[in-house]
Amino acid sequence: MTERESPEPSNLWTLLGAGLTLILINSAFSKETAKKIGKRAGWKSEKSGKSFWDGWVLHMAHLDHTKDETYDEPERGVCVAVSEHLEMHEEAVGNAESIGLNECQNNYAIRMLKKTPIFNKHKK
């Protein structure tokens, strides 16, 4: 496997053990679904192309937070850089119900995302 190839899930946990930060931690998706989303995206942001392999911290973000039987389906998510995830929530301010949240929940997500590192300092 080259550095730029998408790792298989079993190799992913080896990488995590080496001290690399990955987005599966604290994901609202199950680990299995988060892996599917990341793998589908080639571990790159589906908005900007920012890559985990270049040190960017990525999130598996819900496109719609409505809690129903499809909440944990990969089709409900997108792989994005932290700053892009923040933008998604900031764009929903005043209209949080459009992404399946109330304003309080969306504001909380914004506060948490602003505290999240955007770059993995170990990769540089």
PDB file of N, CA and C in Angstrom:
ATOM      1  N   MET A   1       0.847  -1.181   0.000  1.00  0.00           N
ATOM      2  CA  MET A   1       0.000   0.000   0.000  1.00  0.00           C
ATOM      3  C   MET A   1       0.887   1.236   0.000  1.00  0.00           C
ATOM      4  N   THR A   2       0.638   2.169  -0.913  1.00  0.00           N
ATOM      5  CA  THR A   2       1.378   3.421  -0.924  1.00  0.00           C
ATOM      6  C   THR A   2       0.735   4.383   0.053  1.00  0.00           C
ATOM      7  N   GLU A   3       1.437   5.464   0.337  1.00  0.00           N
ATOM      8  CA  GLU A   3       0.928   6.421   1.310  1.00  0.00           C
ATOM      9  C   GLU A   3      -0.410   7.003   0.881  1.00  0.00           C
ATOM     10  N   ARG A   4      -0.655   7.151  -0.402  1.00  0.00           N
ATOM     11  CA  ARG A   4      -1.865   7.799  -0.909  1.00  0.00           C
ATOM     12  C   ARG A   4      -3.032   6.853  -1.101  1.00  0.00           C
ATOM     13  N   GLU A   5      -2.817   5.549  -1.018  1.00  0.00           N
ATOM     14  CA  GLU A   5      -3.910   4.608  -1.202  1.00  0.00           C
ATOM     15  C   GLU A   5      -4.820   4.609   0.016  1.00  0.00           C
ATOM     16  N   SER A   6      -6.076   4.301  -0.219  1.00  0.00           N
ATOM     17  CA  SER A   6      -7.019   4.167   0.891  1.00  0.00           C
ATOM     18  C   SER A   6      -6.701   2.901   1.658  1.00  0.00           C
ATOM     19  N   PRO A   7      -6.534   3.001   2.969  1.00  0.00           N
ATOM     20  CA  PRO A   7      -6.225   1.801   3.743  1.00  0.00           C
ATOM     21  C   PRO A   7      -7.452   0.927   3.902  1.00  0.00           C
ATOM     22  N   GLU A   8      -7.234  -0.334   4.048  1.00  0.00           N
ATOM     23  CA  GLU A   8      -8.315  -1.236   4.416  1.00  0.00           C
ATOM     24  C   GLU A   8      -8.591  -1.004   5.901  1.00  0.00           C
ATOM     25  N   PRO A   9      -9.818  -1.231   6.359  1.00  0.00           N
ATOM     26  CA  PRO A   9     -10.143  -0.970   7.763  1.00  0.00           C
ATOM     27  C   PRO A   9      -9.198  -1.635   8.758  1.00  0.00           C
ATOM     28  N   SER A  10      -8.737  -2.843   8.486  1.00  0.00           N
ATOM     29  CA  SER A  10      -7.856  -3.503   9.446  1.00  0.00           C
ATOM     30  C   SER A  10      -6.526  -2.749   9.560  1.00  0.00           C
ATOM     31  N   ASN A  11      -6.055  -2.185   8.454  1.00  0.00           N
ATOM     32  CA  ASN A  11      -4.820  -1.402   8.474  1.00  0.00           C
ATOM     33  C   ASN A  11      -5.041  -0.036   9.106  1.00  0.00           C
ATOM     34  N   LEU A  12      -6.264   0.450   9.046  1.00  0.00           N
ATOM     35  CA  LEU A  12      -6.581   1.759   9.590  1.00  0.00           C
ATOM     36  C   LEU A  12      -6.286   1.821  11.083  1.00  0.00           C
ATOM     37  N   TRP A  13      -6.654   0.766  11.804  1.00  0.00           N
ATOM     38  CA  TRP A  13      -6.430   0.769  13.246  1.00  0.00           C
ATOM     39  C   TRP A  13      -4.946   0.659  13.561  1.00  0.00           C
ATOM     40  N   THR A  14      -4.160   0.046  12.675  1.00  0.00           N
ATOM     41  CA  THR A  14      -2.706   0.035  12.837  1.00  0.00           C
ATOM     42  C   THR A  14      -2.181   1.459  12.715  1.00  0.00           C
ATOM     43  N   LEU A  15      -2.704   2.200  11.731  1.00  0.00           N
ATOM     44  CA  LEU A  15      -2.300   3.590  11.565  1.00  0.00           C
ATOM     45  C   LEU A  15      -2.664   4.411  12.804  1.00  0.00           C
ATOM     46  N   LEU A  16      -3.849   4.177  13.331  1.00  0.00           N
ATOM     47  CA  LEU A  16      -4.263   4.898  14.535  1.00  0.00           C
ATOM     48  C   LEU A  16      -3.313   4.607  15.684  1.00  0.00           C
ATOM     49  N   GLY A  17      -2.886   3.362  15.794  1.00  0.00           N
ATOM     50  CA  GLY A  17      -1.954   2.975  16.842  1.00  0.00           C
ATOM     51  C   GLY A  17      -0.618   3.677  16.701  1.00  0.00           C
ATOM     52  N   ALA A  18      -0.305   4.142  15.490  1.00  0.00           N
ATOM     53  CA  ALA A  18       0.945   4.847  15.253  1.00  0.00           C
ATOM     54  C   ALA A  18       0.836   6.322  15.640  1.00  0.00           C
ATOM     55  N   GLY A  19      -0.288   6.731  16.166  1.00  0.00           N
ATOM     56  CA  GLY A  19      -0.436   8.102  16.647  1.00  0.00           C
ATOM     57  C   GLY A  19      -1.103   9.040  15.671  1.00  0.00           C
ATOM     58  N   LEU A  20      -1.659   8.542  14.593  1.00  0.00           N
ATOM     59  CA  LEU A  20      -2.335   9.406  13.634  1.00  0.00           C
ATOM     60  C   LEU A  20      -3.750   9.691  14.114  1.00  0.00           C
ATOM     61  N   THR A  21      -4.194  10.905  13.906  1.00  0.00           N
ATOM     62  CA  THR A  21      -5.547  11.285  14.294  1.00  0.00           C
ATOM     63  C   THR A  21      -6.489  10.948  13.156  1.00  0.00           C
ATOM     64  N   LEU A  22      -7.597  10.335  13.473  1.00  0.00           N
ATOM     65  CA  LEU A  22      -8.583  10.040  12.444  1.00  0.00           C
ATOM     66  C   LEU A  22      -9.950  10.441  12.924  1.00  0.00           C
ATOM     67  N   ILE A  23     -10.800  10.669  11.994  1.00  0.00           N
ATOM     68  CA  ILE A  23     -12.107  11.213  12.187  1.00  0.00           C
ATOM     69  C   ILE A  23     -13.125  10.249  12.754  1.00  0.00           C
ATOM     70  N   LEU A  24     -12.806   8.992  12.816  1.00  0.00           N
ATOM     71  CA  LEU A  24     -13.797   8.041  13.287  1.00  0.00           C
ATOM     72  C   LEU A  24     -14.101   8.220  14.760  1.00  0.00           C
ATOM     73  N   ILE A  25     -13.163   8.820  15.472  1.00  0.00           N
ATOM     74  CA  ILE A  25     -13.377   9.088  16.879  1.00  0.00           C
ATOM     75  C   ILE A  25     -14.437  10.196  16.984  1.00  0.00           C
ATOM     76  N   ASN A  26     -15.383  10.043  17.867  1.00  0.00           N
ATOM     77  CA  ASN A  26     -16.431  11.035  18.107  1.00  0.00           C
ATOM     78  C   ASN A  26     -17.344  11.260  16.915  1.00  0.00           C
ATOM     79  N   SER A  27     -17.434  10.312  16.015  1.00  0.00           N
ATOM     80  CA  SER A  27     -18.352  10.432  14.894  1.00  0.00           C
ATOM     81  C   SER A  27     -19.755  10.080  15.358  1.00  0.00           C
ATOM     82  N   ALA A  28     -20.747  10.802  14.820  1.00  0.00           N
ATOM     83  CA  ALA A  28     -22.139  10.458  15.133  1.00  0.00           C
ATOM     84  C   ALA A  28     -22.539   9.172  14.427  1.00  0.00           C
ATOM     85  N   PHE A  29     -21.785   8.795  13.406  1.00  0.00           N
ATOM     86  CA  PHE A  29     -22.013   7.531  12.720  1.00  0.00           C
ATOM     87  C   PHE A  29     -21.343   6.410  13.498  1.00  0.00           C
ATOM     88  N   SER A  30     -21.813   5.197  13.297  1.00  0.00           N
ATOM     89  CA  SER A  30     -21.111   4.050  13.864  1.00  0.00           C
ATOM     90  C   SER A  30     -19.743   3.978  13.203  1.00  0.00           C
ATOM     91  N   LYS A  31     -18.790   3.294  13.848  1.00  0.00           N
ATOM     92  CA  LYS A  31     -17.451   3.171  13.267  1.00  0.00           C
ATOM     93  C   LYS A  31     -17.514   2.510  11.899  1.00  0.00           C
ATOM     94  N   GLU A  32     -18.349   1.503  11.763  1.00  0.00           N
ATOM     95  CA  GLU A  32     -18.479   0.798  10.483  1.00  0.00           C
ATOM     96  C   GLU A  32     -18.954   1.743   9.376  1.00  0.00           C
ATOM     97  N   THR A  33     -19.976   2.536   9.672  1.00  0.00           N
ATOM     98  CA  THR A  33     -20.497   3.463   8.674  1.00  0.00           C
ATOM     99  C   THR A  33     -19.492   4.573   8.383  1.00  0.00           C
ATOM    100  N   ALA A  34     -18.835   5.085   9.412  1.00  0.00           N
ATOM    101  CA  ALA A  34     -17.828   6.132   9.202  1.00  0.00           C
ATOM    102  C   ALA A  34     -16.704   5.619   8.294  1.00  0.00           C
ATOM    103  N   LYS A  35     -16.296   4.368   8.485  1.00  0.00           N
ATOM    104  CA  LYS A  35     -15.265   3.784   7.618  1.00  0.00           C
ATOM    105  C   LYS A  35     -15.746   3.707   6.177  1.00  0.00           C
ATOM    106  N   LYS A  36     -17.004   3.322   5.982  1.00  0.00           N
ATOM    107  CA  LYS A  36     -17.551   3.228   4.626  1.00  0.00           C
ATOM    108  C   LYS A  36     -17.548   4.594   3.949  1.00  0.00           C
ATOM    109  N   ILE A  37     -17.921   5.629   4.689  1.00  0.00           N
ATOM    110  CA  ILE A  37     -17.950   6.980   4.120  1.00  0.00           C
ATOM    111  C   ILE A  37     -16.533   7.426   3.766  1.00  0.00           C
ATOM    112  N   GLY A  38     -15.602   7.239   4.700  1.00  0.00           N
ATOM    113  CA  GLY A  38     -14.213   7.629   4.451  1.00  0.00           C
ATOM    114  C   GLY A  38     -13.605   6.883   3.281  1.00  0.00           C
ATOM    115  N   LYS A  39     -13.861   5.600   3.229  1.00  0.00           N
ATOM    116  CA  LYS A  39     -13.321   4.787   2.133  1.00  0.00           C
ATOM    117  C   LYS A  39     -13.924   5.228   0.804  1.00  0.00           C
ATOM    118  N   ARG A  40     -15.233   5.468   0.801  1.00  0.00           N
ATOM    119  CA  ARG A  40     -15.911   5.936  -0.421  1.00  0.00           C
ATOM    120  C   ARG A  40     -15.263   7.215  -0.947  1.00  0.00           C
ATOM    121  N   ALA A  41     -14.862   8.079  -0.019  1.00  0.00           N
ATOM    122  CA  ALA A  41     -14.265   9.370  -0.381  1.00  0.00           C
ATOM    123  C   ALA A  41     -12.757   9.291  -0.604  1.00  0.00           C
ATOM    124  N   GLY A  42     -12.173   8.116  -0.414  1.00  0.00           N
ATOM    125  CA  GLY A  42     -10.723   7.991  -0.565  1.00  0.00           C
ATOM    126  C   GLY A  42      -9.972   8.745   0.520  1.00  0.00           C
ATOM    127  N   TRP A  43     -10.610   8.895   1.680  1.00  0.00           N
ATOM    128  CA  TRP A  43     -10.037   9.615   2.821  1.00  0.00           C
ATOM    129  C   TRP A  43      -9.653  11.041   2.438  1.00  0.00           C
ATOM    130  N   LYS A  44     -10.507  11.649   1.584  1.00  0.00           N
ATOM    131  CA  LYS A  44     -10.359  13.052   1.177  1.00  0.00           C
ATOM    132  C   LYS A  44     -11.696  13.742   1.356  1.00  0.00           C
ATOM    133  N   SER A  45     -11.637  15.048   1.593  1.00  0.00           N
ATOM    134  CA  SER A  45     -12.869  15.816   1.678  1.00  0.00           C
ATOM    135  C   SER A  45     -13.601  15.738   0.344  1.00  0.00           C
ATOM    136  N   GLU A  46     -14.897  15.477   0.429  1.00  0.00           N
ATOM    137  CA  GLU A  46     -15.707  15.436  -0.779  1.00  0.00           C
ATOM    138  C   GLU A  46     -16.050  16.839  -1.273  1.00  0.00           C
ATOM    139  N   LYS A  47     -15.694  17.872  -0.497  1.00  0.00           N
ATOM    140  CA  LYS A  47     -15.917  19.255  -0.924  1.00  0.00           C
ATOM    141  C   LYS A  47     -14.656  19.869  -1.518  1.00  0.00           C
ATOM    142  N   SER A  48     -13.528  19.711  -0.834  1.00  0.00           N
ATOM    143  CA  SER A  48     -12.309  20.429  -1.241  1.00  0.00           C
ATOM    144  C   SER A  48     -11.179  19.517  -1.701  1.00  0.00           C
ATOM    145  N   GLY A  49     -11.280  18.242  -1.400  1.00  0.00           N
ATOM    146  CA  GLY A  49     -10.194  17.330  -1.735  1.00  0.00           C
ATOM    147  C   GLY A  49      -9.077  17.299  -0.698  1.00  0.00           C
ATOM    148  N   LYS A  50      -9.232  18.040   0.413  1.00  0.00           N
ATOM    149  CA  LYS A  50      -8.227  17.993   1.478  1.00  0.00           C
ATOM    150  C   LYS A  50      -8.110  16.553   1.955  1.00  0.00           C
ATOM    151  N   SER A  51      -6.878  16.097   2.101  1.00  0.00           N
ATOM    152  CA  SER A  51      -6.639  14.685   2.335  1.00  0.00           C
ATOM    153  C   SER A  51      -6.149  14.381   3.748  1.00  0.00           C
ATOM    154  N   PHE A  52      -6.668  13.283   4.292  1.00  0.00           N
ATOM    155  CA  PHE A  52      -6.150  12.763   5.558  1.00  0.00           C
ATOM    156  C   PHE A  52      -4.648  12.532   5.430  1.00  0.00           C
ATOM    157  N   TRP A  53      -4.219  12.058   4.259  1.00  0.00           N
ATOM    158  CA  TRP A  53      -2.809  11.718   4.045  1.00  0.00           C
ATOM    159  C   TRP A  53      -1.914  12.953   4.050  1.00  0.00           C
ATOM    160  N   ASP A  54      -2.498  14.140   3.826  1.00  0.00           N
ATOM    161  CA  ASP A  54      -1.728  15.388   3.888  1.00  0.00           C
ATOM    162  C   ASP A  54      -1.825  16.036   5.265  1.00  0.00           C
ATOM    163  N   GLY A  55      -2.509  15.369   6.185  1.00  0.00           N
ATOM    164  CA  GLY A  55      -2.570  15.854   7.561  1.00  0.00           C
ATOM    165  C   GLY A  55      -3.869  16.517   7.973  1.00  0.00           C
ATOM    166  N   TRP A  56      -4.811  16.665   7.060  1.00  0.00           N
ATOM    167  CA  TRP A  56      -6.079  17.303   7.422  1.00  0.00           C
ATOM    168  C   TRP A  56      -6.922  16.374   8.276  1.00  0.00           C
ATOM    169  N   VAL A  57      -7.550  16.924   9.298  1.00  0.00           N
ATOM    170  CA  VAL A  57      -8.497  16.159  10.108  1.00  0.00           C
ATOM    171  C   VAL A  57      -9.823  16.189   9.367  1.00  0.00           C
ATOM    172  N   LEU A  58     -10.380  15.020   9.150  1.00  0.00           N
ATOM    173  CA  LEU A  58     -11.633  14.896   8.423  1.00  0.00           C
ATOM    174  C   LEU A  58     -12.746  14.434   9.351  1.00  0.00           C
ATOM    175  N   HIS A  59     -13.955  14.826   9.008  1.00  0.00           N
ATOM    176  CA  HIS A  59     -15.144  14.381   9.734  1.00  0.00           C
ATOM    177  C   HIS A  59     -16.070  13.666   8.775  1.00  0.00           C
ATOM    178  N   MET A  60     -16.744  12.675   9.296  1.00  0.00           N
ATOM    179  CA  MET A  60     -17.847  12.060   8.578  1.00  0.00           C
ATOM    180  C   MET A  60     -19.088  12.771   9.104  1.00  0.00           C
ATOM    181  N   ALA A  61     -19.600  13.698   8.318  1.00  0.00           N
ATOM    182  CA  ALA A  61     -20.657  14.602   8.763  1.00  0.00           C
ATOM    183  C   ALA A  61     -22.010  14.189   8.200  1.00  0.00           C
ATOM    184  N   HIS A  62     -23.038  14.316   9.028  1.00  0.00           N
ATOM    185  CA  HIS A  62     -24.394  14.060   8.564  1.00  0.00           C
ATOM    186  C   HIS A  62     -24.849  15.204   7.659  1.00  0.00           C
ATOM    187  N   LEU A  63     -25.459  14.851   6.545  1.00  0.00           N
ATOM    188  CA  LEU A  63     -26.091  15.852   5.684  1.00  0.00           C
ATOM    189  C   LEU A  63     -27.430  16.265   6.283  1.00  0.00           C
ATOM    190  N   ASP A  64     -28.039  15.352   7.005  1.00  0.00           N
ATOM    191  CA  ASP A  64     -29.322  15.586   7.662  1.00  0.00           C
ATOM    192  C   ASP A  64     -29.303  14.829   8.987  1.00  0.00           C
ATOM    193  N   HIS A  65     -29.535  15.526  10.073  1.00  0.00           N
ATOM    194  CA  HIS A  65     -29.442  14.938  11.409  1.00  0.00           C
ATOM    195  C   HIS A  65     -30.759  14.342  11.905  1.00  0.00           C
ATOM    196  N   THR A  66     -31.774  14.299  11.057  1.00  0.00           N
ATOM    197  CA  THR A  66     -33.052  13.733  11.465  1.00  0.00           C
ATOM    198  C   THR A  66     -32.837  12.283  11.900  1.00  0.00           C
ATOM    199  N   LYS A  67     -33.235  11.985  13.129  1.00  0.00           N
ATOM    200  CA  LYS A  67     -33.035  10.639  13.675  1.00  0.00           C
ATOM    201  C   LYS A  67     -34.190   9.743  13.236  1.00  0.00           C
ATOM    202  N   ASP A  68     -33.873   8.874  12.299  1.00  0.00           N
ATOM    203  CA  ASP A  68     -34.834   7.875  11.858  1.00  0.00           C
ATOM    204  C   ASP A  68     -34.077   6.593  11.541  1.00  0.00           C
ATOM    205  N   GLU A  69     -34.742   5.632  10.910  1.00  0.00           N
ATOM    206  CA  GLU A  69     -34.108   4.340  10.661  1.00  0.00           C
ATOM    207  C   GLU A  69     -32.924   4.418   9.690  1.00  0.00           C
ATOM    208  N   THR A  70     -32.773   5.527   8.969  1.00  0.00           N
ATOM    209  CA  THR A  70     -31.653   5.670   8.027  1.00  0.00           C
ATOM    210  C   THR A  70     -30.520   6.537   8.588  1.00  0.00           C
ATOM    211  N   TYR A  71     -30.596   6.905   9.866  1.00  0.00           N
ATOM    212  CA  TYR A  71     -29.613   7.824  10.460  1.00  0.00           C
ATOM    213  C   TYR A  71     -28.171   7.338  10.298  1.00  0.00           C
ATOM    214  N   ASP A  72     -27.948   6.041  10.346  1.00  0.00           N
ATOM    215  CA  ASP A  72     -26.585   5.494  10.280  1.00  0.00           C
ATOM    216  C   ASP A  72     -26.235   4.937   8.895  1.00  0.00           C
ATOM    217  N   GLU A  73     -26.923   5.373   7.864  1.00  0.00           N
ATOM    218  CA  GLU A  73     -26.636   4.918   6.499  1.00  0.00           C
ATOM    219  C   GLU A  73     -25.557   5.807   5.880  1.00  0.00           C
ATOM    220  N   PRO A  74     -24.590   5.223   5.165  1.00  0.00           N
ATOM    221  CA  PRO A  74     -23.515   6.020   4.555  1.00  0.00           C
ATOM    222  C   PRO A  74     -24.027   7.108   3.609  1.00  0.00           C
ATOM    223  N   GLU A  75     -25.166   6.869   2.977  1.00  0.00           N
ATOM    224  CA  GLU A  75     -25.729   7.868   2.057  1.00  0.00           C
ATOM    225  C   GLU A  75     -26.138   9.153   2.773  1.00  0.00           C
ATOM    226  N   ARG A  76     -26.280   9.074   4.090  1.00  0.00           N
ATOM    227  CA  ARG A  76     -26.665  10.246   4.880  1.00  0.00           C
ATOM    228  C   ARG A  76     -25.460  11.100   5.254  1.00  0.00           C
ATOM    229  N   GLY A  77     -24.252  10.655   4.861  1.00  0.00           N
ATOM    230  CA  GLY A  77     -23.058  11.366   5.296  1.00  0.00           C
ATOM    231  C   GLY A  77     -22.149  11.785   4.170  1.00  0.00           C
ATOM    232  N   VAL A  78     -21.226  12.649   4.541  1.00  0.00           N
ATOM    233  CA  VAL A  78     -20.217  13.164   3.624  1.00  0.00           C
ATOM    234  C   VAL A  78     -18.910  13.288   4.391  1.00  0.00           C
ATOM    235  N   CYS A  79     -17.802  13.061   3.712  1.00  0.00           N
ATOM    236  CA  CYS A  79     -16.477  13.210   4.309  1.00  0.00           C
ATOM    237  C   CYS A  79     -16.006  14.631   4.017  1.00  0.00           C
ATOM    238  N   VAL A  80     -15.763  15.420   5.067  1.00  0.00           N
ATOM    239  CA  VAL A  80     -15.357  16.814   4.899  1.00  0.00           C
ATOM    240  C   VAL A  80     -14.276  17.191   5.911  1.00  0.00           C
ATOM    241  N   ALA A  81     -13.538  18.233   5.585  1.00  0.00           N
ATOM    242  CA  ALA A  81     -12.583  18.805   6.531  1.00  0.00           C
ATOM    243  C   ALA A  81     -13.361  19.474   7.656  1.00  0.00           C
ATOM    244  N   VAL A  82     -12.734  19.618   8.810  1.00  0.00           N
ATOM    245  CA  VAL A  82     -13.409  20.216   9.972  1.00  0.00           C
ATOM    246  C   VAL A  82     -13.981  21.586   9.628  1.00  0.00           C
ATOM    247  N   SER A  83     -13.207  22.426   8.950  1.00  0.00           N
ATOM    248  CA  SER A  83     -13.682  23.773   8.611  1.00  0.00           C
ATOM    249  C   SER A  83     -14.917  23.720   7.717  1.00  0.00           C
ATOM    250  N   GLU A  84     -15.002  22.717   6.869  1.00  0.00           N
ATOM    251  CA  GLU A  84     -16.165  22.568   5.993  1.00  0.00           C
ATOM    252  C   GLU A  84     -17.379  22.071   6.772  1.00  0.00           C
ATOM    253  N   HIS A  85     -17.141  21.206   7.757  1.00  0.00           N
ATOM    254  CA  HIS A  85     -18.219  20.751   8.628  1.00  0.00           C
ATOM    255  C   HIS A  85     -18.770  21.947   9.411  1.00  0.00           C
ATOM    256  N   LEU A  86     -17.870  22.781   9.906  1.00  0.00           N
ATOM    257  CA  LEU A  86     -18.287  24.000  10.613  1.00  0.00           C
ATOM    258  C   LEU A  86     -19.127  24.883   9.695  1.00  0.00           C
ATOM    259  N   GLU A  87     -18.688  25.081   8.473  1.00  0.00           N
ATOM    260  CA  GLU A  87     -19.440  25.901   7.513  1.00  0.00           C
ATOM    261  C   GLU A  87     -20.849  25.357   7.295  1.00  0.00           C
ATOM    262  N   MET A  88     -20.967  24.033   7.224  1.00  0.00           N
ATOM    263  CA  MET A  88     -22.281  23.423   7.026  1.00  0.00           C
ATOM    264  C   MET A  88     -23.231  23.819   8.156  1.00  0.00           C
ATOM    265  N   HIS A  89     -22.727  23.796   9.388  1.00  0.00           N
ATOM    266  CA  HIS A  89     -23.574  24.155  10.531  1.00  0.00           C
ATOM    267  C   HIS A  89     -23.800  25.660  10.605  1.00  0.00           C
ATOM    268  N   GLU A  90     -22.800  26.460  10.276  1.00  0.00           N
ATOM    269  CA  GLU A  90     -22.982  27.919  10.297  1.00  0.00           C
ATOM    270  C   GLU A  90     -23.998  28.363   9.246  1.00  0.00           C
ATOM    271  N   GLU A  91     -24.014  27.696   8.109  1.00  0.00           N
ATOM    272  CA  GLU A  91     -24.987  28.033   7.061  1.00  0.00           C
ATOM    273  C   GLU A  91     -26.416  27.723   7.496  1.00  0.00           C
ATOM    274  N   ALA A  92     -26.577  26.845   8.468  1.00  0.00           N
ATOM    275  CA  ALA A  92     -27.914  26.461   8.936  1.00  0.00           C
ATOM    276  C   ALA A  92     -28.409  27.308  10.108  1.00  0.00           C
ATOM    277  N   VAL A  93     -27.605  28.272  10.575  1.00  0.00           N
ATOM    278  CA  VAL A  93     -28.041  29.128  11.685  1.00  0.00           C
ATOM    279  C   VAL A  93     -29.316  29.868  11.262  1.00  0.00           C
ATOM    280  N   GLY A  94     -30.311  29.820  12.125  1.00  0.00           N
ATOM    281  CA  GLY A  94     -31.599  30.441  11.833  1.00  0.00           C
ATOM    282  C   GLY A  94     -32.533  29.519  11.063  1.00  0.00           C
ATOM    283  N   ASN A  95     -32.015  28.398  10.609  1.00  0.00           N
ATOM    284  CA  ASN A  95     -32.799  27.426   9.851  1.00  0.00           C
ATOM    285  C   ASN A  95     -32.306  26.008  10.151  1.00  0.00           C
ATOM    286  N   ALA A  96     -31.972  25.759  11.413  1.00  0.00           N
ATOM    287  CA  ALA A  96     -31.378  24.471  11.803  1.00  0.00           C
ATOM    288  C   ALA A  96     -32.285  23.294  11.505  1.00  0.00           C
ATOM    289  N   GLU A  97     -33.589  23.517  11.513  1.00  0.00           N
ATOM    290  CA  GLU A  97     -34.498  22.405  11.217  1.00  0.00           C
ATOM    291  C   GLU A  97     -34.282  21.867   9.803  1.00  0.00           C
ATOM    292  N   SER A  98     -33.676  22.661   8.928  1.00  0.00           N
ATOM    293  CA  SER A  98     -33.405  22.194   7.559  1.00  0.00           C
ATOM    294  C   SER A  98     -32.363  21.072   7.537  1.00  0.00           C
ATOM    295  N   ILE A  99     -31.586  20.948   8.622  1.00  0.00           N
ATOM    296  CA  ILE A  99     -30.617  19.855   8.724  1.00  0.00           C
ATOM    297  C   ILE A  99     -30.973  18.892   9.868  1.00  0.00           C
ATOM    298  N   GLY A 100     -32.209  18.980  10.320  1.00  0.00           N
ATOM    299  CA  GLY A 100     -32.705  18.026  11.312  1.00  0.00           C
ATOM    300  C   GLY A 100     -32.308  18.323  12.743  1.00  0.00           C
ATOM    301  N   LEU A 101     -31.931  19.562  13.032  1.00  0.00           N
ATOM    302  CA  LEU A 101     -31.561  19.962  14.395  1.00  0.00           C
ATOM    303  C   LEU A 101     -32.421  21.133  14.824  1.00  0.00           C
ATOM    304  N   ASN A 102     -32.443  21.407  16.143  1.00  0.00           N
ATOM    305  CA  ASN A 102     -33.010  22.668  16.591  1.00  0.00           C
ATOM    306  C   ASN A 102     -31.854  23.652  16.737  1.00  0.00           C
ATOM    307  N   GLU A 103     -32.144  24.914  16.953  1.00  0.00           N
ATOM    308  CA  GLU A 103     -31.090  25.936  17.004  1.00  0.00           C
ATOM    309  C   GLU A 103     -30.087  25.675  18.128  1.00  0.00           C
ATOM    310  N   CYS A 104     -30.578  25.205  19.266  1.00  0.00           N
ATOM    311  CA  CYS A 104     -29.693  24.913  20.392  1.00  0.00           C
ATOM    312  C   CYS A 104     -28.703  23.814  20.026  1.00  0.00           C
ATOM    313  N   GLN A 105     -29.199  22.751  19.408  1.00  0.00           N
ATOM    314  CA  GLN A 105     -28.322  21.650  18.994  1.00  0.00           C
ATOM    315  C   GLN A 105     -27.303  22.122  17.954  1.00  0.00           C
ATOM    316  N   ASN A 106     -27.748  22.920  16.998  1.00  0.00           N
ATOM    317  CA  ASN A 106     -26.840  23.412  15.962  1.00  0.00           C
ATOM    318  C   ASN A 106     -25.790  24.343  16.558  1.00  0.00           C
ATOM    319  N   ASN A 107     -26.195  25.209  17.471  1.00  0.00           N
ATOM    320  CA  ASN A 107     -25.233  26.110  18.115  1.00  0.00           C
ATOM    321  C   ASN A 107     -24.201  25.332  18.927  1.00  0.00           C
ATOM    322  N   TYR A 108     -24.642  24.270  19.570  1.00  0.00           N
ATOM    323  CA  TYR A 108     -23.712  23.417  20.307  1.00  0.00           C
ATOM    324  C   TYR A 108     -22.700  22.784  19.344  1.00  0.00           C
ATOM    325  N   ALA A 109     -23.186  22.280  18.218  1.00  0.00           N
ATOM    326  CA  ALA A 109     -22.288  21.685  17.216  1.00  0.00           C
ATOM    327  C   ALA A 109     -21.262  22.717  16.742  1.00  0.00           C
ATOM    328  N   ILE A 110     -21.686  23.934  16.528  1.00  0.00           N
ATOM    329  CA  ILE A 110     -20.771  25.000  16.085  1.00  0.00           C
ATOM    330  C   ILE A 110     -19.700  25.249  17.143  1.00  0.00           C
ATOM    331  N   ARG A 111     -20.118  25.352  18.409  1.00  0.00           N
ATOM    332  CA  ARG A 111     -19.142  25.578  19.487  1.00  0.00           C
ATOM    333  C   ARG A 111     -18.113  24.453  19.543  1.00  0.00           C
ATOM    334  N   MET A 112     -18.574  23.210  19.426  1.00  0.00           N
ATOM    335  CA  MET A 112     -17.661  22.067  19.478  1.00  0.00           C
ATOM    336  C   MET A 112     -16.732  22.037  18.260  1.00  0.00           C
ATOM    337  N   LEU A 113     -17.255  22.320  17.090  1.00  0.00           N
ATOM    338  CA  LEU A 113     -16.435  22.314  15.881  1.00  0.00           C
ATOM    339  C   LEU A 113     -15.364  23.399  15.911  1.00  0.00           C
ATOM    340  N   LYS A 114     -15.668  24.535  16.525  1.00  0.00           N
ATOM    341  CA  LYS A 114     -14.679  25.613  16.637  1.00  0.00           C
ATOM    342  C   LYS A 114     -13.513  25.221  17.539  1.00  0.00           C
ATOM    343  N   LYS A 115     -13.720  24.246  18.407  1.00  0.00           N
ATOM    344  CA  LYS A 115     -12.666  23.772  19.309  1.00  0.00           C
ATOM    345  C   LYS A 115     -11.871  22.607  18.718  1.00  0.00           C
ATOM    346  N   THR A 116     -12.297  22.100  17.581  1.00  0.00           N
ATOM    347  CA  THR A 116     -11.697  20.905  16.985  1.00  0.00           C
ATOM    348  C   THR A 116     -10.470  21.269  16.159  1.00  0.00           C
ATOM    349  N   PRO A 117      -9.348  20.591  16.368  1.00  0.00           N
ATOM    350  CA  PRO A 117      -8.165  20.846  15.533  1.00  0.00           C
ATOM    351  C   PRO A 117      -8.487  20.570  14.067  1.00  0.00           C
ATOM    352  N   ILE A 118      -7.905  21.381  13.174  1.00  0.00           N
ATOM    353  CA  ILE A 118      -8.173  21.186  11.751  1.00  0.00           C
ATOM    354  C   ILE A 118      -7.040  20.475  11.026  1.00  0.00           C
ATOM    355  N   PHE A 119      -5.882  20.409  11.678  1.00  0.00           N
ATOM    356  CA  PHE A 119      -4.725  19.790  11.031  1.00  0.00           C
ATOM    357  C   PHE A 119      -4.047  18.878  12.022  1.00  0.00           C
ATOM    358  N   ASN A 120      -3.599  17.730  11.546  1.00  0.00           N
ATOM    359  CA  ASN A 120      -2.908  16.765  12.400  1.00  0.00           C
ATOM    360  C   ASN A 120      -1.427  17.149  12.435  1.00  0.00           C
ATOM    361  N   LYS A 121      -1.004  17.735  13.531  1.00  0.00           N
ATOM    362  CA  LYS A 121       0.374  18.236  13.634  1.00  0.00           C
ATOM    363  C   LYS A 121       1.428  17.145  13.492  1.00  0.00           C
ATOM    364  N   HIS A 122       1.051  15.886  13.675  1.00  0.00           N
ATOM    365  CA  HIS A 122       2.009  14.783  13.551  1.00  0.00           C
ATOM    366  C   HIS A 122       2.352  14.475  12.098  1.00  0.00           C
ATOM    367  N   LYS A 123       1.508  14.934  11.170  1.00  0.00           N
ATOM    368  CA  LYS A 123       1.696  14.602   9.759  1.00  0.00           C
ATOM    369  C   LYS A 123       2.684  15.519   9.060  1.00  0.00           C
ATOM    370  N   LYS A 124       2.847  16.741   9.536  1.00  0.00           N
ATOM    371  CA  LYS A 124       3.645  17.730   8.826  1.00  0.00           C
ATOM    372  C   LYS A 124       5.095  17.391   8.732  1.00  0.00           C
TER     373      LYS A 124
END
